[in-house]
Protein backbone atom coordinates (compact mmCIF):
# COMPACT_ATOMS: atom_id res chain seq x y z
CA MET A 1 13.53 19.75 4.13
CA ALA A 2 10.65 17.41 5.04
CA ALA A 3 9.23 20.05 7.38
CA SER A 4 8.39 22.07 4.27
CA ALA A 5 6.31 19.24 2.79
CA ILE A 6 2.89 17.74 3.37
CA GLY A 7 1.78 14.26 2.42
CA VAL A 8 -1.34 13.13 0.58
CA VAL A 9 -2.15 9.42 0.64
CA PHE A 10 -4.78 8.04 -1.75
CA SER A 11 -6.50 5.13 -0.04
CA ASN A 12 -8.33 3.57 -2.97
CA MET A 13 -6.29 3.83 -6.18
CA HIS A 14 -5.70 0.55 -8.12
CA GLU A 15 -8.45 -1.38 -6.32
CA GLU A 16 -9.45 -2.98 -9.62
CA ASN A 17 -6.24 -5.06 -9.43
CA VAL A 18 -7.29 -6.91 -6.27
CA PRO A 19 -11.12 -7.05 -6.34
CA GLU A 20 -11.18 -10.02 -3.97
CA LEU A 21 -9.45 -8.10 -1.18
CA VAL A 22 -11.41 -4.82 -1.48
CA ARG A 23 -15.01 -6.02 -1.50
CA ARG A 24 -15.51 -4.75 2.05
CA ARG A 25 -12.49 -2.50 2.53
CA THR A 26 -10.38 0.04 0.73
CA MET A 27 -6.93 -0.67 -0.74
CA ALA A 28 -5.20 1.11 2.12
CA SER A 29 -6.67 -1.17 4.79
CA ILE A 30 -5.73 -4.53 3.22
CA PRO A 31 -4.05 -6.61 5.98
CA TYR A 32 -0.38 -7.36 5.38
CA GLY A 33 2.41 -9.30 7.03
CA GLY A 34 0.56 -10.59 10.09
CA ARG A 35 -0.16 -7.31 11.88
CA TYR A 36 -0.01 -4.41 9.42
CA ARG A 37 -2.25 -2.68 6.89
CA ILE A 38 -0.79 -1.44 3.60
CA VAL A 39 -1.43 2.20 4.59
CA ASP A 40 1.02 1.74 7.49
CA PHE A 41 3.97 1.80 5.11
CA ALA A 42 3.01 5.06 3.40
CA LEU A 43 2.27 6.78 6.72
CA SER A 44 5.42 5.46 8.41
CA ASN A 45 7.65 6.51 5.52
CA MET A 46 6.31 10.04 5.76
CA VAL A 47 6.57 10.28 9.54
CA ASN A 48 10.08 8.77 9.59
CA SER A 49 11.10 11.40 7.02
CA GLY A 50 9.83 14.28 9.16
CA ILE A 51 6.48 14.94 7.47
CA THR A 52 3.95 15.70 10.21
CA THR A 53 0.92 16.74 8.14
CA VAL A 54 -0.68 13.98 6.08
CA GLY A 55 -4.02 14.11 4.30
CA LEU A 56 -5.66 10.71 3.82
CA MET A 57 -7.97 10.74 0.80
CA THR A 58 -10.94 8.39 1.22
CA SER A 59 -13.46 7.07 -1.27
CA ASN A 60 -15.78 4.25 -0.25
CA ASN A 61 -15.62 1.18 2.01
CA TYR A 62 -13.40 3.15 4.36
CA ARG A 63 -14.98 2.17 7.71
CA SER A 64 -12.23 -0.36 8.48
CA LEU A 65 -9.60 2.21 7.48
CA ILE A 66 -10.98 4.79 9.91
CA ASP A 67 -11.14 2.13 12.64
CA HIS A 68 -7.50 1.28 12.00
CA ILE A 69 -5.97 4.77 11.92
CA GLY A 70 -8.15 6.35 14.62
CA SER A 71 -6.70 9.74 15.58
CA GLY A 72 -3.31 8.86 14.09
CA LYS A 73 -1.58 8.63 17.48
CA ASP A 74 0.12 5.33 16.64
CA TRP A 75 2.02 7.17 13.88
CA ASP A 76 2.61 10.28 16.04
CA LEU A 77 0.12 12.13 13.87
CA ALA A 78 -2.35 13.20 16.57
CA ARG A 79 -1.35 16.85 16.59
CA LYS A 80 -2.97 20.24 17.16
CA ASP A 81 -1.33 21.65 14.06
CA GLY A 82 -1.41 19.34 11.06
CA GLY A 83 -1.22 15.66 11.93
CA LEU A 84 -3.45 13.13 10.19
CA ILE A 85 -6.34 14.74 8.32
CA LEU A 86 -9.13 12.62 6.85
CA LEU A 87 -10.18 14.00 3.49
CA PRO A 88 -13.68 13.00 2.36
CA PRO A 89 -14.33 11.92 -1.25
CA PHE A 90 -16.32 15.09 -1.84
CA SER A 91 -15.15 18.69 -1.80
CA ASP A 92 -16.76 22.02 -0.99
CA ARG A 93 -16.91 22.63 -4.76
CA HIS A 94 -19.13 19.69 -5.72
CA ASP A 95 -20.76 16.58 -4.29
CA LYS A 96 -19.70 14.16 -7.01
CA LEU A 97 -17.58 11.17 -6.03
CA TYR A 98 -14.23 11.34 -7.83
CA THR A 99 -13.34 8.62 -10.33
CA THR A 100 -9.90 9.74 -11.55
CA ARG A 101 -6.75 11.09 -9.91
CA LEU A 102 -7.31 14.50 -11.46
CA GLU A 103 -10.82 14.68 -9.99
CA ALA A 104 -9.40 13.64 -6.61
CA LEU A 105 -6.76 16.37 -6.80
CA ASN A 106 -9.46 18.86 -7.71
CA SER A 107 -11.30 17.85 -4.55
CA LEU A 108 -8.11 18.56 -2.60
CA ARG A 109 -7.70 22.13 -3.78
CA GLY A 110 -9.24 23.61 -0.64
CA PHE A 111 -6.99 21.53 1.60
CA LEU A 112 -3.87 22.40 -0.39
CA GLN A 113 -4.69 26.11 -0.50
CA ARG A 114 -4.94 26.26 3.30
CA ARG A 115 -1.46 24.79 3.77
CA LYS A 116 1.77 26.80 3.68
CA GLU A 117 4.32 24.06 2.95
CA LYS A 118 6.30 24.31 -0.27
CA TYR A 119 6.03 20.68 -1.45
CA VAL A 120 3.44 17.91 -1.64
CA VAL A 121 4.25 14.21 -1.54
CA LEU A 122 1.56 12.16 -3.33
CA ALA A 123 1.47 8.44 -2.55
CA ASP A 124 -0.83 5.53 -3.35
CA CYS A 125 -1.37 2.44 -1.21
CA ASP A 126 -0.42 -0.27 -3.69
CA GLY A 127 3.22 -0.69 -2.66
CA VAL A 128 5.14 -1.93 0.36
CA MET A 129 8.61 -0.46 0.97
CA ARG A 130 10.75 1.49 3.42
CA LEU A 131 11.45 4.77 1.67
CA ASP A 132 13.51 7.82 2.68
CA ILE A 133 11.23 10.59 1.45
CA ALA A 134 13.51 13.26 2.92
CA ASP A 135 16.20 12.26 0.42
CA ILE A 136 13.70 12.48 -2.44
CA LEU A 137 12.71 15.99 -1.32
CA ALA A 138 16.34 17.07 -1.10
CA THR A 139 17.03 15.71 -4.59
CA HIS A 140 13.87 17.38 -5.91
CA GLU A 141 14.98 20.79 -4.60
CA LYS A 142 18.59 20.36 -5.72
CA ARG A 143 17.42 19.74 -9.29
CA ASN A 144 14.89 22.60 -9.10
CA ALA A 145 12.37 20.11 -10.46
CA ASP A 146 8.67 20.69 -11.02
CA VAL A 147 7.85 17.02 -10.53
CA THR A 148 9.86 14.07 -9.22
CA MET A 149 8.47 10.59 -9.93
CA VAL A 150 9.78 7.64 -7.92
CA THR A 151 10.60 4.51 -9.92
CA HIS A 152 11.83 1.00 -9.21
CA HIS A 153 13.75 -1.05 -11.74
CA GLY A 154 12.10 -4.44 -11.95
CA LYS A 155 10.07 -6.86 -13.99
CA VAL A 156 6.74 -5.66 -15.32
CA GLY A 157 5.14 -9.08 -14.92
CA ASN A 158 1.39 -9.37 -15.44
CA ARG A 159 0.47 -5.84 -14.38
CA ALA A 160 -2.78 -4.58 -15.90
CA ASP A 161 -1.97 -0.89 -15.50
CA PHE A 162 1.47 0.60 -15.06
CA ILE A 163 3.62 3.52 -16.12
CA LEU A 164 7.15 3.23 -17.52
CA LEU A 165 9.58 6.12 -17.55
CA SER A 166 12.58 6.77 -19.79
CA ALA A 167 15.14 9.32 -18.62
CA ASP A 168 18.43 10.78 -19.81
CA GLU A 169 21.78 10.60 -18.02
CA ASN A 170 20.68 13.39 -15.68
CA ASP A 171 17.45 11.56 -14.75
CA ARG A 172 15.34 14.10 -16.66
CA VAL A 173 12.27 12.19 -17.84
CA ARG A 174 12.00 12.21 -21.62
CA GLU A 175 9.22 9.68 -22.18
CA ILE A 176 6.24 8.40 -20.20
CA LYS A 177 4.42 5.28 -21.39
CA LEU A 178 1.03 4.16 -20.08
CA SER A 179 0.73 0.34 -19.94
CA PRO A 180 2.85 -0.34 -23.05
CA HIS A 181 3.21 -3.83 -24.51
CA THR A 182 6.23 -5.53 -22.95
CA SER A 183 7.87 -8.92 -23.33
CA ALA A 184 7.37 -11.50 -20.59
CA GLY A 185 9.77 -10.86 -17.72
CA GLU A 186 11.10 -7.62 -19.23
CA ALA A 187 12.72 -5.27 -16.71
CA ALA A 188 12.11 -1.53 -16.83
CA ASP A 189 11.86 1.61 -14.69
CA ILE A 190 8.35 1.26 -13.28
CA TYR A 191 6.69 4.28 -11.69
CA ILE A 192 5.62 3.18 -8.19
CA ASN A 193 2.96 5.86 -7.70
CA ILE A 194 4.91 8.19 -5.42
CA MET A 195 5.49 11.75 -6.54
CA VAL A 196 6.93 14.99 -5.18
CA ILE A 197 5.56 18.21 -6.63
CA ASN A 198 5.60 21.88 -5.70
CA ARG A 199 2.34 22.72 -3.89
CA GLN A 200 1.47 25.95 -5.67
CA PHE A 201 2.57 24.48 -8.99
CA LEU A 202 0.22 21.53 -8.42
CA LEU A 203 -2.67 23.88 -7.64
CA ASN A 204 -2.03 25.82 -10.84
CA LEU A 205 -1.85 22.61 -12.90
CA VAL A 206 -5.10 21.25 -11.51
CA GLU A 207 -6.99 24.52 -11.94
CA ASP A 208 -5.78 24.90 -15.51
CA SER A 209 -6.63 21.28 -16.33
CA VAL A 210 -10.15 21.53 -14.95
CA THR A 211 -10.88 24.69 -16.92
CA HIS A 212 -9.74 22.92 -20.10
CA GLY A 213 -11.86 19.84 -19.42
CA PHE A 214 -8.96 17.43 -18.96
CA SER A 215 -9.72 14.07 -17.33
CA SER A 216 -6.38 12.33 -16.76
CA PHE A 217 -3.52 13.68 -14.66
CA GLU A 218 -0.98 11.39 -16.32
CA SER A 219 -1.94 11.60 -20.00
CA ASP A 220 -3.44 15.11 -20.17
CA ILE A 221 -0.85 16.84 -17.97
CA LEU A 222 2.39 14.90 -17.56
CA ILE A 223 2.65 13.32 -21.01
CA LYS A 224 1.36 16.26 -23.04
CA GLN A 225 3.60 18.73 -21.21
CA ILE A 226 6.67 16.56 -20.77
CA GLU A 227 8.87 18.94 -22.75
CA SER A 228 7.84 22.07 -20.86
CA LEU A 229 7.69 20.56 -17.36
CA LYS A 230 10.87 19.72 -15.47
CA ILE A 231 10.03 16.11 -14.62
CA TYR A 232 12.75 14.01 -13.01
CA ARG A 233 13.08 10.38 -12.01
CA TYR A 234 14.18 9.18 -8.57
CA ASN A 235 15.16 5.52 -8.78
CA PHE A 236 14.46 3.62 -5.56
CA LYS A 237 16.86 0.70 -5.22
CA GLY A 238 15.58 -0.97 -2.06
CA TYR A 239 13.01 -3.71 -1.52
CA TYR A 240 9.68 -2.96 -3.18
CA ALA A 241 6.53 -5.09 -3.23
CA GLY A 242 3.86 -3.99 -5.70
CA ILE A 243 0.39 -5.28 -4.80
CA ASP A 244 -1.11 -5.45 -8.28
CA SER A 245 -2.86 -8.85 -8.14
CA LEU A 246 -3.92 -11.51 -5.67
CA ALA A 247 -0.91 -13.60 -6.74
CA ALA A 248 1.41 -10.64 -6.06
CA TYR A 249 -0.19 -10.12 -2.65
CA TYR A 250 0.45 -13.77 -1.82
CA LYS A 251 3.99 -13.73 -3.21
CA HIS A 252 5.13 -10.64 -1.33
CA ASN A 253 3.61 -11.78 1.96
CA MET A 254 5.48 -15.06 1.59
CA GLU A 255 8.71 -13.12 0.99
CA LEU A 256 8.46 -11.89 4.58
CA LEU A 257 9.40 -15.39 5.71
CA LYS A 258 12.93 -14.60 4.46
CA LYS A 259 15.08 -12.92 7.10
CA GLU A 260 16.86 -10.68 4.60
CA VAL A 261 13.54 -9.26 3.41
CA ARG A 262 12.33 -8.62 6.95
CA ASP A 263 15.63 -6.96 7.85
CA GLU A 264 15.46 -4.63 4.85
CA LEU A 265 11.80 -3.73 5.30
CA PHE A 266 11.69 -3.37 9.09
CA GLY A 267 15.35 -3.03 10.11
CA ALA A 268 16.55 0.58 10.11
CA ARG A 269 13.31 2.45 10.85
CA ASP A 270 10.08 1.37 12.45
CA ILE A 271 6.93 0.66 10.49
CA TYR A 272 4.13 1.80 12.77
CA THR A 273 0.68 0.28 13.05
CA LYS A 274 -2.31 0.23 15.39
CA VAL A 275 -1.29 -1.19 18.74
CA ARG A 276 -3.51 -3.89 20.21
CA ASP A 277 -3.08 -5.30 23.71
CA SER A 278 -3.36 -8.98 22.77
CA ALA A 279 -2.30 -11.94 24.87
CA PRO A 280 0.74 -13.95 23.72
CA SER A 281 0.11 -16.87 21.40
CA LYS A 282 -0.50 -20.29 22.95
CA TYR A 283 1.00 -23.51 21.59
CA GLY A 284 -0.44 -26.93 22.40
CA ALA A 285 1.63 -29.96 23.41
CA ASP A 286 1.44 -31.40 19.87
CA ALA A 287 1.85 -28.13 17.99
CA ILE A 288 4.57 -27.86 15.35
CA VAL A 289 5.46 -24.47 13.84
CA LYS A 290 8.16 -24.02 11.19
CA ASN A 291 9.29 -20.94 9.26
CA SER A 292 6.15 -18.94 9.98
CA LEU A 293 5.09 -15.53 11.29
CA ILE A 294 2.68 -15.91 14.21
CA SER A 295 0.92 -12.85 15.61
CA ASP A 296 -0.36 -12.32 19.16
CA GLY A 297 -3.44 -14.08 20.48
CA CYS A 298 -3.19 -17.25 18.36
CA GLU A 299 -3.95 -20.73 19.66
CA ILE A 300 -2.13 -23.48 17.77
CA GLU A 301 -2.64 -27.17 18.38
CA GLY A 302 -1.82 -28.47 14.89
CA ILE A 303 0.96 -27.96 12.33
CA VAL A 304 1.83 -24.60 10.76
CA GLU A 305 4.56 -24.41 8.10
CA ASN A 306 5.69 -21.56 5.83
CA SER A 307 2.63 -19.51 6.73
CA ILE A 308 1.55 -16.14 8.11
CA LEU A 309 -1.05 -16.06 10.89
CA PHE A 310 -2.67 -12.80 11.93
CA ARG A 311 -4.03 -12.06 15.41
CA GLY A 312 -6.47 -14.40 17.10
CA VAL A 313 -6.18 -17.40 14.75
CA LYS A 314 -7.08 -20.82 16.15
CA VAL A 315 -5.63 -23.98 14.55
CA GLY A 316 -7.26 -27.19 15.80
CA LYS A 317 -5.69 -30.54 16.63
CA GLY A 318 -4.51 -32.50 13.62
CA ALA A 319 -4.88 -29.48 11.32
CA VAL A 320 -2.13 -28.71 8.82
CA VAL A 321 -1.63 -25.17 7.51
CA ARG A 322 1.09 -24.83 4.86
CA ASN A 323 2.11 -21.97 2.57
CA SER A 324 -0.97 -19.98 3.58
CA ILE A 325 -2.05 -16.55 4.81
CA ILE A 326 -4.62 -16.75 7.60
CA MET A 327 -6.09 -13.38 8.53
CA GLN A 328 -7.46 -12.19 11.85
CA ASP A 329 -9.83 -14.24 14.03
CA ASN A 330 -9.96 -17.32 11.80
CA ILE A 331 -10.82 -20.77 13.11
CA ILE A 332 -9.22 -23.76 11.38
CA GLY A 333 -10.98 -26.96 12.42
CA GLN A 334 -9.48 -30.24 13.51
CA ASN A 335 -7.86 -32.50 10.90
CA THR A 336 -8.22 -29.82 8.25
CA THR A 337 -5.54 -29.26 5.60
CA LEU A 338 -4.85 -25.90 3.93
CA ASP A 339 -2.14 -25.36 1.29
CA CYS A 340 -1.63 -22.11 -0.67
CA VAL A 341 -4.79 -20.62 0.82
CA ILE A 342 -5.65 -17.02 1.72
CA THR A 343 -8.45 -16.74 4.26
CA ASP A 344 -9.86 -13.28 4.92
CA LYS A 345 -10.98 -12.13 8.39
CA ASN A 346 -13.47 -14.09 10.53
CA VAL A 347 -13.43 -17.24 8.40
CA VAL A 348 -14.38 -20.60 9.91
CA VAL A 349 -13.11 -23.76 8.21
CA SER A 350 -14.83 -26.80 9.72
CA ASP A 351 -13.25 -30.11 10.68
CA ARG A 352 -11.86 -32.50 8.07
CA ARG A 353 -11.75 -30.06 5.17
CA THR A 354 -9.02 -30.07 2.50
CA LEU A 355 -8.44 -26.87 0.54
CA GLY A 356 -5.56 -25.99 -1.75
CA GLY A 357 -4.40 -23.64 -4.45
CA HIS A 358 -1.16 -22.70 -6.20
CA GLU A 359 1.26 -19.85 -5.61
CA ALA A 360 0.28 -18.43 -9.02
CA LEU A 361 -3.42 -18.77 -8.15
CA PRO A 362 -3.91 -19.05 -4.38
CA TYR A 363 -7.29 -20.22 -3.13
CA TYR A 364 -9.06 -17.23 -1.58
CA ILE A 365 -11.84 -17.47 1.01
CA PRO A 366 -13.85 -14.23 1.48
CA LYS A 367 -14.39 -12.48 4.78
CA GLY A 368 -16.87 -14.09 7.16
CA THR A 369 -17.19 -17.34 5.20
CA ARG A 370 -18.07 -20.59 6.98
CA LEU A 371 -17.00 -23.77 5.23
């Protein structure tokens, strides 16, 4: 079934939710979990489900993304036929940078017309999960659906933009709500920005929408035509981490310190990422490390507790790092204390500094900062 589908991954949707993390990178290349980028989960889910042709839609700030994915060989997507295909933000039809999903899909028309597969899997890079896309495709075909939207039942929280679906007993979607008012902590079926749609049907929808001057794929197409389109819900019941704020990014990274979360996310199928030949981490005689994820190439001489350290981090003597996310190639000086801190790449925190935040509002230090 998956052999008859292609994937399209949007690298930059929802960047307004985490402006701190995307100043110099795109949403897809945000570091996650010590050694991964968020795009790794979307690509791995597709490859593990048998999809071998994936178009990666770029926008801006995508230099680090291209450096990370390379030719796609780490995901087994370096192929003569298909494989990983970088899709520029412009199309052969116009040179205007897209600003909406519908404009992005319009830019993809040439790519989609050249393919022969029956289905298209559309995915954003704002969620972390291990998803069996082959099962979604099989369910989509069994129902003879036009569109299948993947949902996760959970709390809405403080999301700025989200879509809620209401379906009947057969999972036929009867109502789509864009960012409705909800009570605090209310649980609902939240659309997690993964969709299966028939390829030729998608091309027809986009062409018709452009000729009519529509601007929104969700409100102008899905909502207005909900009665005529066969839209179904696929409820994903596994672990899902939605990266819709800096606090959510911090929270879901910290969840990886729980064994049951790691087992569910990484247990049954591999999540692939760029392989780096780094030396093992080195621990000093006075180093103390508790309940933390430590990547290769770190040098630790202080205390690290309940934290995630990416590659090449150095923690000086007497330093204390607690409840923090320390990205690649950071230097934490001697006798420095960090608590609930997120440091981006290449940050240097000098000796005898004390920095702290809260899990609801972690203290963020931008890339390349020297304190």
